[in-house]
Amino acid sequence: MLQSPFAIIGTAWSFYKKQPVLNEIAFWLFFLPVAFMDAFSGMIGIAEAQDIEDLSLESFTAMEIAVMVPLIVLLIYLLFWGQACVLTVAKRMVSSPAGRNRTSFKAVRKEARKFIGALILTEVLRGIITLLWSLLLIVPGIIYSVRTVFYDIMMIEEGKVAYGRPVLNRSKDFVKGKTWDVLWRIVVIALCIFLPVALIDSSITGILTIVDSRLETLGLVLADFVDAFAGVFFIVCVVAVYADLKKAS
């Protein structure tokens, strides 16, 4: 029998506290890249509002695109690297829930790097298939998304770089027959994590904007800090759901 969502959150939190490297991953590979993008976008917005004299709007827009596109590509790369790092650490929950084994941030980055390309390509394929199912009917799209939610941890757990449909099908076959059990647990976990985070984010940005509208970008950066750690913890919780489901199976 599967644990309740609250028991799973407790299990994930116990593991998280024993793995300080997860905080390093959250800071360096989730918070800093997103915060830099938000800060950079904020600077562009201020510059546009002040109507820079040396540049026309057209040339400034062209420069903005030329700079932003590579930055977005780099951001995607770093976020998937962060995801691979979190999964590399969290996979220990499947075999050792106590989580006493620790490793360095450098070692985790090195081990996780080989999975970045596979995660990006498979996630793009998963998104396309989910969208196609959703265009037909919403429910099949949701079902496919839920059944393939564990493809990334299954890939990292096996330690083999795998692409596309085969790894998605492994997750789909694993979840089939337990789709509802997985769905409502993940939904409850997401609500427990991200609802408080949303309130904190809105409070931070709201208070700073009231003090001075120019502090809006600072509010976004501070919200990014909260979001980064919440996002890492949510990934750990999803792995905890996978570990619990695998144990029950």
Foldseek 3Di string as FASTA:
>chain_A
DFDFLVVLLVLLVLLVVLECLLVVLLVPLQQPLVLVVLLVVLVLVVCVVVPDPVDDPVVSVVVCVVPVVVSVVVNLLSNLLSLLLLLLQLLVCLVPSNNNDYDHNVVSSVLSNVQSVQVVQAVVQLVVVLVVLVVVPNVVSLLLCQQQVCLSSVCSNVSDHDHYDVSSVVSNVLCPVPSVVSVVSLVVNCCVLVVVLVVVLCVQLVVQCVVPVSCNSVSVSVSSSSVSSSVSSSSSSSSSSVSSSVVVD
